[in-house]
Each structure stands twice: as C-alpha cells, then as structure tokens.
PDB file of N, CA and C in Angstrom:
ATOM      1  N   MET A   1    -233.669-180.591  33.414  1.00  0.00           N
ATOM      2  CA  MET A   1    -234.533-180.047  32.299  1.00  0.00           C
ATOM      3  C   MET A   1    -235.669-180.981  32.256  1.00  0.00           C
ATOM      4  N   ARG A   2    -236.832-180.274  31.918  1.00  0.00           N
ATOM      5  CA  ARG A   2    -238.207-180.869  31.802  1.00  0.00           C
ATOM      6  C   ARG A   2    -238.681-180.565  30.494  1.00  0.00           C
ATOM      7  N   VAL A   3    -239.146-181.544  29.781  1.00  0.00           N
ATOM      8  CA  VAL A   3    -239.694-181.382  28.408  1.00  0.00           C
ATOM      9  C   VAL A   3    -241.033-182.073  28.254  1.00  0.00           C
ATOM     10  N   LEU A   4    -241.883-181.042  27.521  1.00  0.00           N
ATOM     11  CA  LEU A   4    -243.209-181.723  26.960  1.00  0.00           C
ATOM     12  C   LEU A   4    -243.102-182.201  25.627  1.00  0.00           C
ATOM     13  N   LEU A   5    -243.475-183.528  25.330  1.00  0.00           N
ATOM     14  CA  LEU A   5    -243.489-183.917  23.936  1.00  0.00           C
ATOM     15  C   LEU A   5    -244.859-184.078  23.546  1.00  0.00           C
ATOM     16  N   ILE A   6    -245.271-183.323  22.253  1.00  0.00           N
ATOM     17  CA  ILE A   6    -246.547-183.304  21.795  1.00  0.00           C
ATOM     18  C   ILE A   6    -246.626-183.842  20.491  1.00  0.00           C
ATOM     19  N   ASP A   7    -247.424-184.918  20.189  1.00  0.00           N
ATOM     20  CA  ASP A   7    -247.351-185.406  18.903  1.00  0.00           C
ATOM     21  C   ASP A   7    -248.689-186.471  19.010  1.00  0.00           C
ATOM     22  N   ASP A   8    -249.274-186.546  17.783  1.00  0.00           N
ATOM     23  CA  ASP A   8    -250.433-187.492  17.718  1.00  0.00           C
ATOM     24  C   ASP A   8    -249.993-188.918  17.379  1.00  0.00           C
ATOM     25  N   GLU A   9    -248.837-189.075  17.324  1.00  0.00           N
ATOM     26  CA  GLU A   9    -248.187-190.637  17.271  1.00  0.00           C
ATOM     27  C   GLU A   9    -247.829-191.057  18.603  1.00  0.00           C
ATOM     28  N   ALA A  10    -248.853-191.685  19.378  1.00  0.00           N
ATOM     29  CA  ALA A  10    -248.599-191.911  20.722  1.00  0.00           C
ATOM     30  C   ALA A  10    -247.586-192.900  20.885  1.00  0.00           C
ATOM     31  N   GLU A  11    -247.244-193.950  19.941  1.00  0.00           N
ATOM     32  CA  GLU A  11    -246.017-194.841  20.126  1.00  0.00           C
ATOM     33  C   GLU A  11    -244.634-193.939  19.960  1.00  0.00           C
ATOM     34  N   LEU A  12    -244.701-192.860  19.078  1.00  0.00           N
ATOM     35  CA  LEU A  12    -243.609-192.295  18.979  1.00  0.00           C
ATOM     36  C   LEU A  12    -243.134-191.387  20.098  1.00  0.00           C
ATOM     37  N   VAL A  13    -244.089-190.593  20.725  1.00  0.00           N
ATOM     38  CA  VAL A  13    -243.817-189.716  21.833  1.00  0.00           C
ATOM     39  C   VAL A  13    -243.557-190.588  23.098  1.00  0.00           C
ATOM     40  N   SER A  14    -244.245-191.782  23.169  1.00  0.00           N
ATOM     41  CA  SER A  14    -244.061-192.556  24.437  1.00  0.00           C
ATOM     42  C   SER A  14    -242.537-193.023  24.501  1.00  0.00           C
ATOM     43  N   THR A  15    -242.190-193.505  23.455  1.00  0.00           N
ATOM     44  CA  THR A  15    -240.771-194.147  23.085  1.00  0.00           C
ATOM     45  C   THR A  15    -239.820-193.068  23.351  1.00  0.00           C
ATOM     46  N   LEU A  16    -239.946-191.821  22.641  1.00  0.00           N
ATOM     47  CA  LEU A  16    -239.105-190.842  22.821  1.00  0.00           C
ATOM     48  C   LEU A  16    -239.048-190.396  24.411  1.00  0.00           C
ATOM     49  N   ALA A  17    -239.997-190.227  25.044  1.00  0.00           N
ATOM     50  CA  ALA A  17    -239.935-189.808  26.608  1.00  0.00           C
ATOM     51  C   ALA A  17    -239.184-190.820  27.335  1.00  0.00           C
ATOM     52  N   GLU A  18    -239.303-192.154  26.871  1.00  0.00           N
ATOM     53  CA  GLU A  18    -238.683-193.138  27.643  1.00  0.00           C
ATOM     54  C   GLU A  18    -237.349-192.928  27.304  1.00  0.00           C
ATOM     55  N   ARG A  19    -236.841-192.863  26.116  1.00  0.00           N
ATOM     56  CA  ARG A  19    -235.397-192.668  25.749  1.00  0.00           C
ATOM     57  C   ARG A  19    -234.839-191.505  26.374  1.00  0.00           C
ATOM     58  N   LEU A  20    -235.526-190.416  26.531  1.00  0.00           N
ATOM     59  CA  LEU A  20    -234.994-189.107  27.222  1.00  0.00           C
ATOM     60  C   LEU A  20    -234.689-189.478  28.684  1.00  0.00           C
ATOM     61  N   SER A  21    -235.698-190.132  29.282  1.00  0.00           N
ATOM     62  CA  SER A  21    -235.655-190.400  30.822  1.00  0.00           C
ATOM     63  C   SER A  21    -234.390-191.492  31.151  1.00  0.00           C
ATOM     64  N   PHE A  22    -233.981-192.189  30.064  1.00  0.00           N
ATOM     65  CA  PHE A  22    -232.788-193.110  30.220  1.00  0.00           C
ATOM     66  C   PHE A  22    -231.495-192.187  30.361  1.00  0.00           C
ATOM     67  N   ARG A  23    -231.778-190.941  29.686  1.00  0.00           N
ATOM     68  CA  ARG A  23    -230.662-190.020  29.743  1.00  0.00           C
ATOM     69  C   ARG A  23    -230.801-188.972  30.724  1.00  0.00           C
ATOM     70  N   GLY A  24    -231.611-189.099  31.519  1.00  0.00           N
ATOM     71  CA  GLY A  24    -231.849-188.118  32.732  1.00  0.00           C
ATOM     72  C   GLY A  24    -232.504-187.044  32.501  1.00  0.00           C
ATOM     73  N   ILE A  25    -233.357-187.028  31.394  1.00  0.00           N
ATOM     74  CA  ILE A  25    -234.309-185.895  31.114  1.00  0.00           C
ATOM     75  C   ILE A  25    -235.781-186.193  31.446  1.00  0.00           C
ATOM     76  N   ASP A  26    -236.281-185.283  32.235  1.00  0.00           N
ATOM     77  CA  ASP A  26    -237.626-185.583  32.525  1.00  0.00           C
ATOM     78  C   ASP A  26    -238.495-185.085  31.474  1.00  0.00           C
ATOM     79  N   ALA A  27    -239.258-186.098  30.902  1.00  0.00           N
ATOM     80  CA  ALA A  27    -240.174-185.827  29.733  1.00  0.00           C
ATOM     81  C   ALA A  27    -241.582-186.521  30.081  1.00  0.00           C
ATOM     82  N   ASP A  28    -242.480-185.540  29.642  1.00  0.00           N
ATOM     83  CA  ASP A  28    -243.950-185.948  29.747  1.00  0.00           C
ATOM     84  C   ASP A  28    -244.490-185.867  28.312  1.00  0.00           C
ATOM     85  N   TRP A  29    -245.678-186.675  27.913  1.00  0.00           N
ATOM     86  CA  TRP A  29    -245.940-186.581  26.620  1.00  0.00           C
ATOM     87  C   TRP A  29    -247.554-186.660  26.418  1.00  0.00           C
ATOM     88  N   VAL A  30    -248.109-185.917  25.434  1.00  0.00           N
ATOM     89  CA  VAL A  30    -249.506-185.786  25.214  1.00  0.00           C
ATOM     90  C   VAL A  30    -249.457-186.098  23.785  1.00  0.00           C
ATOM     91  N   THR A  31    -250.975-186.575  23.386  1.00  0.00           N
ATOM     92  CA  THR A  31    -251.229-186.776  21.831  1.00  0.00           C
ATOM     93  C   THR A  31    -251.925-185.562  21.244  1.00  0.00           C
ATOM     94  N   ASN A  32    -252.248-184.584  21.905  1.00  0.00           N
ATOM     95  CA  ASN A  32    -253.023-183.501  21.308  1.00  0.00           C
ATOM     96  C   ASN A  32    -252.843-182.126  21.888  1.00  0.00           C
ATOM     97  N   GLY A  33    -253.425-181.133  21.177  1.00  0.00           N
ATOM     98  CA  GLY A  33    -253.077-179.766  21.739  1.00  0.00           C
ATOM     99  C   GLY A  33    -253.938-179.599  23.026  1.00  0.00           C
ATOM    100  N   ALA A  34    -255.129-180.210  23.017  1.00  0.00           N
ATOM    101  CA  ALA A  34    -255.922-179.879  24.359  1.00  0.00           C
ATOM    102  C   ALA A  34    -255.197-180.418  25.673  1.00  0.00           C
ATOM    103  N   ASP A  35    -254.700-181.707  25.397  1.00  0.00           N
ATOM    104  CA  ASP A  35    -254.020-182.222  26.662  1.00  0.00           C
ATOM    105  C   ASP A  35    -252.728-181.484  26.918  1.00  0.00           C
ATOM    106  N   ALA A  36    -252.060-180.964  25.843  1.00  0.00           N
ATOM    107  CA  ALA A  36    -250.791-180.173  26.096  1.00  0.00           C
ATOM    108  C   ALA A  36    -251.190-178.867  26.971  1.00  0.00           C
ATOM    109  N   LEU A  37    -252.467-178.157  26.531  1.00  0.00           N
ATOM    110  CA  LEU A  37    -252.591-177.057  27.372  1.00  0.00           C
ATOM    111  C   LEU A  37    -252.805-177.450  28.779  1.00  0.00           C
ATOM    112  N   LYS A  38    -253.552-178.610  29.072  1.00  0.00           N
ATOM    113  CA  LYS A  38    -253.885-178.974  30.463  1.00  0.00           C
ATOM    114  C   LYS A  38    -252.654-179.410  31.317  1.00  0.00           C
ATOM    115  N   GLN A  39    -251.707-179.898  30.392  1.00  0.00           N
ATOM    116  CA  GLN A  39    -250.408-180.493  31.051  1.00  0.00           C
ATOM    117  C   GLN A  39    -249.751-179.134  31.575  1.00  0.00           C
ATOM    118  N   LEU A  40    -249.815-177.914  31.039  1.00  0.00           N
ATOM    119  CA  LEU A  40    -248.964-176.751  31.294  1.00  0.00           C
ATOM    120  C   LEU A  40    -249.726-176.332  32.847  1.00  0.00           C
ATOM    121  N   ASP A  41    -250.743-176.623  33.240  1.00  0.00           N
ATOM    122  CA  ASP A  41    -251.498-176.397  34.541  1.00  0.00           C
ATOM    123  C   ASP A  41    -250.820-177.400  35.576  1.00  0.00           C
ATOM    124  N   LYS A  42    -250.197-178.344  35.243  1.00  0.00           N
ATOM    125  CA  LYS A  42    -249.774-179.354  36.113  1.00  0.00           C
ATOM    126  C   LYS A  42    -248.306-179.268  36.422  1.00  0.00           C
ATOM    127  N   ALA A  43    -247.423-178.631  35.384  1.00  0.00           N
ATOM    128  CA  ALA A  43    -245.978-178.763  35.506  1.00  0.00           C
ATOM    129  C   ALA A  43    -245.479-177.565  34.744  1.00  0.00           C
ATOM    130  N   VAL A  44    -244.143-177.249  35.070  1.00  0.00           N
ATOM    131  CA  VAL A  44    -243.452-176.105  34.280  1.00  0.00           C
ATOM    132  C   VAL A  44    -242.397-176.825  33.242  1.00  0.00           C
ATOM    133  N   TYR A  45    -242.421-176.529  32.112  1.00  0.00           N
ATOM    134  CA  TYR A  45    -241.394-177.072  31.313  1.00  0.00           C
ATOM    135  C   TYR A  45    -240.400-176.154  30.903  1.00  0.00           C
ATOM    136  N   ASP A  46    -239.331-176.700  30.410  1.00  0.00           N
ATOM    137  CA  ASP A  46    -238.268-175.783  29.926  1.00  0.00           C
ATOM    138  C   ASP A  46    -238.481-175.641  28.227  1.00  0.00           C
ATOM    139  N   ILE A  47    -238.763-176.819  27.852  1.00  0.00           N
ATOM    140  CA  ILE A  47    -238.802-177.109  26.207  1.00  0.00           C
ATOM    141  C   ILE A  47    -240.150-177.822  25.849  1.00  0.00           C
ATOM    142  N   ALA A  48    -240.720-177.627  24.768  1.00  0.00           N
ATOM    143  CA  ALA A  48    -242.004-178.376  24.357  1.00  0.00           C
ATOM    144  C   ALA A  48    -241.209-178.706  22.862  1.00  0.00           C
ATOM    145  N   VAL A  49    -241.602-180.025  22.509  1.00  0.00           N
ATOM    146  CA  VAL A  49    -241.309-180.548  21.124  1.00  0.00           C
ATOM    147  C   VAL A  49    -242.751-180.893  20.487  1.00  0.00           C
ATOM    148  N   VAL A  50    -242.992-180.085  19.502  1.00  0.00           N
ATOM    149  CA  VAL A  50    -244.231-180.048  18.975  1.00  0.00           C
ATOM    150  C   VAL A  50    -244.397-180.596  17.673  1.00  0.00           C
ATOM    151  N   ASP A  51    -245.308-181.367  17.363  1.00  0.00           N
ATOM    152  CA  ASP A  51    -245.638-181.853  15.819  1.00  0.00           C
ATOM    153  C   ASP A  51    -246.196-180.819  15.314  1.00  0.00           C
ATOM    154  N   VAL A  52    -245.756-180.490  13.918  1.00  0.00           N
ATOM    155  CA  VAL A  52    -246.352-179.289  13.292  1.00  0.00           C
ATOM    156  C   VAL A  52    -247.816-179.903  12.761  1.00  0.00           C
ATOM    157  N   LYS A  53    -247.876-180.945  12.248  1.00  0.00           N
ATOM    158  CA  LYS A  53    -249.246-181.383  11.691  1.00  0.00           C
ATOM    159  C   LYS A  53    -249.989-182.305  12.703  1.00  0.00           C
ATOM    160  N   MET A  54    -250.871-182.046  13.394  1.00  0.00           N
ATOM    161  CA  MET A  54    -251.935-182.577  14.244  1.00  0.00           C
ATOM    162  C   MET A  54    -253.205-182.406  13.970  1.00  0.00           C
ATOM    163  N   PRO A  55    -254.195-183.353  14.256  1.00  0.00           N
ATOM    164  CA  PRO A  55    -255.621-183.067  14.154  1.00  0.00           C
ATOM    165  C   PRO A  55    -256.066-182.029  15.214  1.00  0.00           C
ATOM    166  N   GLY A  56    -256.955-181.332  14.742  1.00  0.00           N
ATOM    167  CA  GLY A  56    -257.361-180.251  15.621  1.00  0.00           C
ATOM    168  C   GLY A  56    -256.611-179.057  15.421  1.00  0.00           C
ATOM    169  N   ILE A  57    -255.998-178.792  16.671  1.00  0.00           N
ATOM    170  CA  ILE A  57    -255.212-177.496  16.623  1.00  0.00           C
ATOM    171  C   ILE A  57    -253.844-177.798  16.019  1.00  0.00           C
ATOM    172  N   SER A  58    -253.104-177.057  15.135  1.00  0.00           N
ATOM    173  CA  SER A  58    -252.107-177.248  14.668  1.00  0.00           C
ATOM    174  C   SER A  58    -250.803-176.960  15.553  1.00  0.00           C
ATOM    175  N   GLY A  59    -249.788-177.518  15.198  1.00  0.00           N
ATOM    176  CA  GLY A  59    -248.657-177.260  16.197  1.00  0.00           C
ATOM    177  C   GLY A  59    -248.174-175.851  16.342  1.00  0.00           C
ATOM    178  N   ILE A  60    -248.290-175.154  15.194  1.00  0.00           N
ATOM    179  CA  ILE A  60    -248.026-173.689  15.082  1.00  0.00           C
ATOM    180  C   ILE A  60    -248.903-172.766  15.964  1.00  0.00           C
ATOM    181  N   LYS A  61    -250.187-173.174  15.710  1.00  0.00           N
ATOM    182  CA  LYS A  61    -251.268-172.545  16.613  1.00  0.00           C
ATOM    183  C   LYS A  61    -250.795-172.808  18.142  1.00  0.00           C
ATOM    184  N   LEU A  62    -250.741-174.042  18.419  1.00  0.00           N
ATOM    185  CA  LEU A  62    -250.541-174.625  19.705  1.00  0.00           C
ATOM    186  C   LEU A  62    -249.421-173.774  20.471  1.00  0.00           C
ATOM    187  N   LYS A  63    -248.288-173.732  19.553  1.00  0.00           N
ATOM    188  CA  LYS A  63    -247.211-173.028  20.085  1.00  0.00           C
ATOM    189  C   LYS A  63    -247.474-171.521  20.514  1.00  0.00           C
ATOM    190  N   ARG A  64    -248.231-170.901  19.885  1.00  0.00           N
ATOM    191  CA  ARG A  64    -248.595-169.467  19.919  1.00  0.00           C
ATOM    192  C   ARG A  64    -249.352-169.342  21.456  1.00  0.00           C
ATOM    193  N   ILE A  65    -250.287-170.339  21.619  1.00  0.00           N
ATOM    194  CA  ILE A  65    -250.971-170.281  22.991  1.00  0.00           C
ATOM    195  C   ILE A  65    -250.190-170.598  23.932  1.00  0.00           C
ATOM    196  N   MET A  66    -249.297-171.658  24.011  1.00  0.00           N
ATOM    197  CA  MET A  66    -248.382-172.056  24.919  1.00  0.00           C
ATOM    198  C   MET A  66    -247.542-171.063  25.279  1.00  0.00           C
ATOM    199  N   ALA A  67    -246.978-170.231  24.234  1.00  0.00           N
ATOM    200  CA  ALA A  67    -245.690-169.182  24.452  1.00  0.00           C
ATOM    201  C   ALA A  67    -246.448-168.013  25.450  1.00  0.00           C
ATOM    202  N   THR A  68    -247.749-167.804  25.130  1.00  0.00           N
ATOM    203  CA  THR A  68    -248.437-166.714  25.820  1.00  0.00           C
ATOM    204  C   THR A  68    -248.700-167.333  27.396  1.00  0.00           C
ATOM    205  N   LYS A  69    -248.915-168.455  27.633  1.00  0.00           N
ATOM    206  CA  LYS A  69    -249.192-168.999  28.844  1.00  0.00           C
ATOM    207  C   LYS A  69    -247.778-169.151  29.804  1.00  0.00           C
ATOM    208  N   CYS A  70    -246.731-169.591  28.978  1.00  0.00           N
ATOM    209  CA  CYS A  70    -245.475-169.837  29.515  1.00  0.00           C
ATOM    210  C   CYS A  70    -244.455-169.120  28.450  1.00  0.00           C
ATOM    211  N   PRO A  71    -244.203-167.832  28.775  1.00  0.00           N
ATOM    212  CA  PRO A  71    -243.421-167.168  27.951  1.00  0.00           C
ATOM    213  C   PRO A  71    -241.657-167.568  28.197  1.00  0.00           C
ATOM    214  N   LYS A  72    -241.183-168.197  29.125  1.00  0.00           N
ATOM    215  CA  LYS A  72    -240.064-168.609  29.083  1.00  0.00           C
ATOM    216  C   LYS A  72    -239.731-169.904  28.351  1.00  0.00           C
ATOM    217  N   MET A  73    -240.755-170.738  28.146  1.00  0.00           N
ATOM    218  CA  MET A  73    -240.541-172.024  27.528  1.00  0.00           C
ATOM    219  C   MET A  73    -240.210-171.866  25.967  1.00  0.00           C
ATOM    220  N   ARG A  74    -239.105-172.867  25.711  1.00  0.00           N
ATOM    221  CA  ARG A  74    -238.622-172.819  24.400  1.00  0.00           C
ATOM    222  C   ARG A  74    -239.375-173.980  23.543  1.00  0.00           C
ATOM    223  N   PHE A  75    -239.270-173.986  22.107  1.00  0.00           N
ATOM    224  CA  PHE A  75    -239.839-174.784  21.329  1.00  0.00           C
ATOM    225  C   PHE A  75    -239.013-175.389  20.528  1.00  0.00           C
ATOM    226  N   VAL A  76    -239.287-176.737  20.038  1.00  0.00           N
ATOM    227  CA  VAL A  76    -238.641-177.415  18.869  1.00  0.00           C
ATOM    228  C   VAL A  76    -239.702-178.150  18.096  1.00  0.00           C
ATOM    229  N   PHE A  77    -239.987-177.725  16.785  1.00  0.00           N
ATOM    230  CA  PHE A  77    -240.870-178.222  16.048  1.00  0.00           C
ATOM    231  C   PHE A  77    -240.353-179.700  15.326  1.00  0.00           C
ATOM    232  N   VAL A  78    -241.343-180.525  15.102  1.00  0.00           N
ATOM    233  CA  VAL A  78    -240.929-181.761  14.304  1.00  0.00           C
ATOM    234  C   VAL A  78    -242.010-181.991  13.321  1.00  0.00           C
ATOM    235  N   THR A  79    -241.678-182.656  12.496  1.00  0.00           N
ATOM    236  CA  THR A  79    -242.602-183.163  11.120  1.00  0.00           C
ATOM    237  C   THR A  79    -242.122-184.234  10.332  1.00  0.00           C
ATOM    238  N   GLY A  80    -243.060-185.141   9.879  1.00  0.00           N
ATOM    239  CA  GLY A  80    -242.702-186.426   9.031  1.00  0.00           C
ATOM    240  C   GLY A  80    -243.147-186.008   7.845  1.00  0.00           C
ATOM    241  N   HIS A  81    -243.888-185.056   7.536  1.00  0.00           N
ATOM    242  CA  HIS A  81    -244.426-184.847   6.112  1.00  0.00           C
ATOM    243  C   HIS A  81    -244.654-183.381   5.905  1.00  0.00           C
ATOM    244  N   GLY A  82    -243.830-182.705   6.308  1.00  0.00           N
ATOM    245  CA  GLY A  82    -243.916-181.065   6.108  1.00  0.00           C
ATOM    246  C   GLY A  82    -243.628-180.660   4.689  1.00  0.00           C
ATOM    247  N   SER A  83    -244.228-179.432   4.283  1.00  0.00           N
ATOM    248  CA  SER A  83    -243.988-178.984   3.105  1.00  0.00           C
ATOM    249  C   SER A  83    -243.047-177.883   3.249  1.00  0.00           C
ATOM    250  N   GLU A  84    -242.200-177.204   2.284  1.00  0.00           N
ATOM    251  CA  GLU A  84    -241.277-176.217   2.358  1.00  0.00           C
ATOM    252  C   GLU A  84    -241.993-175.164   3.216  1.00  0.00           C
ATOM    253  N   GLU A  85    -243.204-174.826   2.877  1.00  0.00           N
ATOM    254  CA  GLU A  85    -243.922-173.655   3.768  1.00  0.00           C
ATOM    255  C   GLU A  85    -244.112-174.075   5.184  1.00  0.00           C
ATOM    256  N   ASP A  86    -244.508-175.077   5.437  1.00  0.00           N
ATOM    257  CA  ASP A  86    -244.462-175.579   6.978  1.00  0.00           C
ATOM    258  C   ASP A  86    -243.051-175.840   7.499  1.00  0.00           C
ATOM    259  N   PHE A  87    -242.022-175.956   6.873  1.00  0.00           N
ATOM    260  CA  PHE A  87    -240.784-175.789   7.227  1.00  0.00           C
ATOM    261  C   PHE A  87    -240.431-174.086   7.747  1.00  0.00           C
ATOM    262  N   LYS A  88    -240.643-173.543   6.571  1.00  0.00           N
ATOM    263  CA  LYS A  88    -240.464-171.973   6.884  1.00  0.00           C
ATOM    264  C   LYS A  88    -241.181-171.467   8.159  1.00  0.00           C
ATOM    265  N   GLU A  89    -242.458-171.730   8.171  1.00  0.00           N
ATOM    266  CA  GLU A  89    -243.259-171.206   9.407  1.00  0.00           C
ATOM    267  C   GLU A  89    -242.884-171.767  10.585  1.00  0.00           C
ATOM    268  N   GLY A  90    -242.521-173.095  10.547  1.00  0.00           N
ATOM    269  CA  GLY A  90    -242.054-173.749  11.906  1.00  0.00           C
ATOM    270  C   GLY A  90    -240.808-173.196  12.321  1.00  0.00           C
ATOM    271  N   SER A  91    -239.882-172.732  11.422  1.00  0.00           N
ATOM    272  CA  SER A  91    -238.434-172.329  11.629  1.00  0.00           C
ATOM    273  C   SER A  91    -238.665-170.942  12.421  1.00  0.00           C
ATOM    274  N   GLU A  92    -239.615-170.128  11.605  1.00  0.00           N
ATOM    275  CA  GLU A  92    -239.927-168.906  12.119  1.00  0.00           C
ATOM    276  C   GLU A  92    -240.417-168.840  13.505  1.00  0.00           C
ATOM    277  N   GLU A  93    -241.384-169.657  13.926  1.00  0.00           N
ATOM    278  CA  GLU A  93    -241.989-169.843  15.059  1.00  0.00           C
ATOM    279  C   GLU A  93    -240.890-170.227  16.177  1.00  0.00           C
ATOM    280  N   ALA A  94    -240.338-171.343  15.948  1.00  0.00           N
ATOM    281  CA  ALA A  94    -239.411-172.005  16.771  1.00  0.00           C
ATOM    282  C   ALA A  94    -238.285-171.168  17.154  1.00  0.00           C
ATOM    283  N   GLY A  95    -237.701-170.538  16.027  1.00  0.00           N
ATOM    284  CA  GLY A  95    -236.524-169.936  16.159  1.00  0.00           C
ATOM    285  C   GLY A  95    -235.492-170.674  15.029  1.00  0.00           C
ATOM    286  N   ALA A  96    -234.711-170.051  14.371  1.00  0.00           N
ATOM    287  CA  ALA A  96    -234.008-170.611  13.249  1.00  0.00           C
ATOM    288  C   ALA A  96    -233.246-171.847  13.801  1.00  0.00           C
ATOM    289  N   GLY A  97    -233.382-172.952  13.076  1.00  0.00           N
ATOM    290  CA  GLY A  97    -232.631-174.192  13.389  1.00  0.00           C
ATOM    291  C   GLY A  97    -233.408-174.944  14.493  1.00  0.00           C
ATOM    292  N   ASN A  98    -234.584-174.698  14.882  1.00  0.00           N
ATOM    293  CA  ASN A  98    -235.283-175.468  16.060  1.00  0.00           C
ATOM    294  C   ASN A  98    -236.284-176.325  15.420  1.00  0.00           C
ATOM    295  N   TYR A  99    -236.153-176.772  14.333  1.00  0.00           N
ATOM    296  CA  TYR A  99    -237.170-177.509  13.551  1.00  0.00           C
ATOM    297  C   TYR A  99    -236.417-178.978  13.031  1.00  0.00           C
ATOM    298  N   LEU A 100    -236.843-179.963  13.354  1.00  0.00           N
ATOM    299  CA  LEU A 100    -236.491-181.211  13.004  1.00  0.00           C
ATOM    300  C   LEU A 100    -237.423-182.158  12.335  1.00  0.00           C
ATOM    301  N   VAL A 101    -236.884-182.868  11.365  1.00  0.00           N
ATOM    302  CA  VAL A 101    -237.637-184.089  10.517  1.00  0.00           C
ATOM    303  C   VAL A 101    -237.563-185.204  11.075  1.00  0.00           C
ATOM    304  N   LYS A 102    -238.788-185.915  11.174  1.00  0.00           N
ATOM    305  CA  LYS A 102    -238.813-187.130  11.709  1.00  0.00           C
ATOM    306  C   LYS A 102    -238.242-188.264  10.757  1.00  0.00           C
ATOM    307  N   PRO A 103    -237.689-189.303  11.106  1.00  0.00           N
ATOM    308  CA  PRO A 103    -237.520-189.777  12.481  1.00  0.00           C
ATOM    309  C   PRO A 103    -236.523-188.973  13.221  1.00  0.00           C
ATOM    310  N   VAL A 104    -236.961-188.564  14.615  1.00  0.00           N
ATOM    311  CA  VAL A 104    -236.180-187.733  15.309  1.00  0.00           C
ATOM    312  C   VAL A 104    -235.028-188.556  16.118  1.00  0.00           C
ATOM    313  N   HIS A 105    -233.812-188.115  15.938  1.00  0.00           N
ATOM    314  CA  HIS A 105    -232.555-189.036  16.342  1.00  0.00           C
ATOM    315  C   HIS A 105    -232.433-188.233  17.819  1.00  0.00           C
ATOM    316  N   ILE A 106    -232.446-189.215  18.823  1.00  0.00           N
ATOM    317  CA  ILE A 106    -232.342-189.089  20.088  1.00  0.00           C
ATOM    318  C   ILE A 106    -231.135-188.082  20.594  1.00  0.00           C
ATOM    319  N   GLU A 107    -229.951-188.356  20.066  1.00  0.00           N
ATOM    320  CA  GLU A 107    -228.719-187.421  20.353  1.00  0.00           C
ATOM    321  C   GLU A 107    -229.008-186.162  19.808  1.00  0.00           C
ATOM    322  N   GLY A 108    -229.540-186.164  18.577  1.00  0.00           N
ATOM    323  CA  GLY A 108    -229.623-184.879  17.829  1.00  0.00           C
ATOM    324  C   GLY A 108    -230.594-183.947  18.631  1.00  0.00           C
ATOM    325  N   LEU A 109    -231.597-184.483  19.199  1.00  0.00           N
ATOM    326  CA  LEU A 109    -232.598-183.908  20.004  1.00  0.00           C
ATOM    327  C   LEU A 109    -231.974-183.311  21.242  1.00  0.00           C
ATOM    328  N   ILE A 110    -231.240-184.051  22.028  1.00  0.00           N
ATOM    329  CA  ILE A 110    -230.704-183.755  23.133  1.00  0.00           C
ATOM    330  C   ILE A 110    -229.663-182.395  22.806  1.00  0.00           C
ATOM    331  N   LYS A 111    -228.958-182.736  21.835  1.00  0.00           N
ATOM    332  CA  LYS A 111    -227.795-181.595  21.303  1.00  0.00           C
ATOM    333  C   LYS A 111    -228.673-180.342  21.194  1.00  0.00           C
ATOM    334  N   LYS A 112    -229.865-180.509  20.552  1.00  0.00           N
ATOM    335  CA  LYS A 112    -230.760-179.187  20.286  1.00  0.00           C
ATOM    336  C   LYS A 112    -231.170-178.792  21.530  1.00  0.00           C
ATOM    337  N   PHE A 113    -231.674-179.477  22.474  1.00  0.00           N
ATOM    338  CA  PHE A 113    -232.083-178.944  23.681  1.00  0.00           C
ATOM    339  C   PHE A 113    -230.913-178.189  24.329  1.00  0.00           C
ATOM    340  N   LYS A 114    -230.002-178.623  24.539  1.00  0.00           N
ATOM    341  CA  LYS A 114    -228.757-177.973  25.083  1.00  0.00           C
ATOM    342  C   LYS A 114    -228.369-176.806  24.401  1.00  0.00           C
ATOM    343  N   GLU A 115    -228.389-176.596  22.933  1.00  0.00           N
ATOM    344  CA  GLU A 115    -228.157-175.488  22.445  1.00  0.00           C
ATOM    345  C   GLU A 115    -229.246-174.384  22.808  1.00  0.00           C
ATOM    346  N   ILE A 116    -230.492-174.787  22.859  1.00  0.00           N
ATOM    347  CA  ILE A 116    -231.493-173.864  23.098  1.00  0.00           C
ATOM    348  C   ILE A 116    -231.485-173.224  24.529  1.00  0.00           C
ATOM    349  N   LEU A 117    -231.193-174.075  25.409  1.00  0.00           N
ATOM    350  CA  LEU A 117    -231.097-173.663  26.916  1.00  0.00           C
ATOM    351  C   LEU A 117    -229.875-172.725  27.127  1.00  0.00           C
ATOM    352  N   LYS A 118    -228.938-172.750  26.251  1.00  0.00           N
ATOM    353  CA  LYS A 118    -227.742-171.848  26.234  1.00  0.00           C
ATOM    354  C   LYS A 118    -228.070-170.526  25.744  1.00  0.00           C
ATOM    355  N   GLN A 119    -229.051-170.313  24.812  1.00  0.00           N
ATOM    356  CA  GLN A 119    -229.337-169.108  24.280  1.00  0.00           C
ATOM    357  C   GLN A 119    -229.882-168.117  25.360  1.00  0.00           C
TER     358      GLN A 119
END
C-alpha cells in the first residue's frame, strides 16, 4: 500500500509518515496542494490523507482535482478544527466514515486504510 499524506503541519505529516513506514506502509508527505499535485506525477498512490483546512487550495478542492487525475485513488480527510459543515462536506467527498479528527491515532488510521481497500 502506498499513501500520500497532505497537511500544512510539516511536523505532523513527517511523523505520521515515519510511523506508517515502521508498520510497512510506504508513505510520502507534502505540505500543500501544489506539491501534492506534483507528487502525483512521480508516484501512484492507493490512498491520500488530506487535511480539510490548508492555506491556498482547500482539501476538498484538492481531492476533486486529484480524483480526476487518479480515479482509483481513495481519500481520507482529517481536520483539527473543522466545523459541522466541514465534517458533512468532507464525509460526502471522501465517503461516509472516511473523515478523522486530529490528533490522528495511527492504529485507527491503518484500520481505516484496510477498510477502504476492501471496498
């Protein structure tokens, strides 16, 4: 499984990528939407973990662009400060149940990955 982590909090995504790699999951990370789109030209990902609220392009808009470029990729949204409306929109975009609140717990995230890939 190959995962792309996208969040404007560099410390968070770098640590998460490291923890995933310890569990045998190949994870790359970027801190903005533009770099995420560039990364799609370099590698194929099974799942993208996308922060809903980022400077520049929002996670919701980024997901729509990424899904067009990579229709087989699945998505999980994360947020640390989302509103009820963000939650609703994120759940609709990612698929019911594919929306997590920070702090993200590694075992819960891995469980979510496995659920998504079984669908």
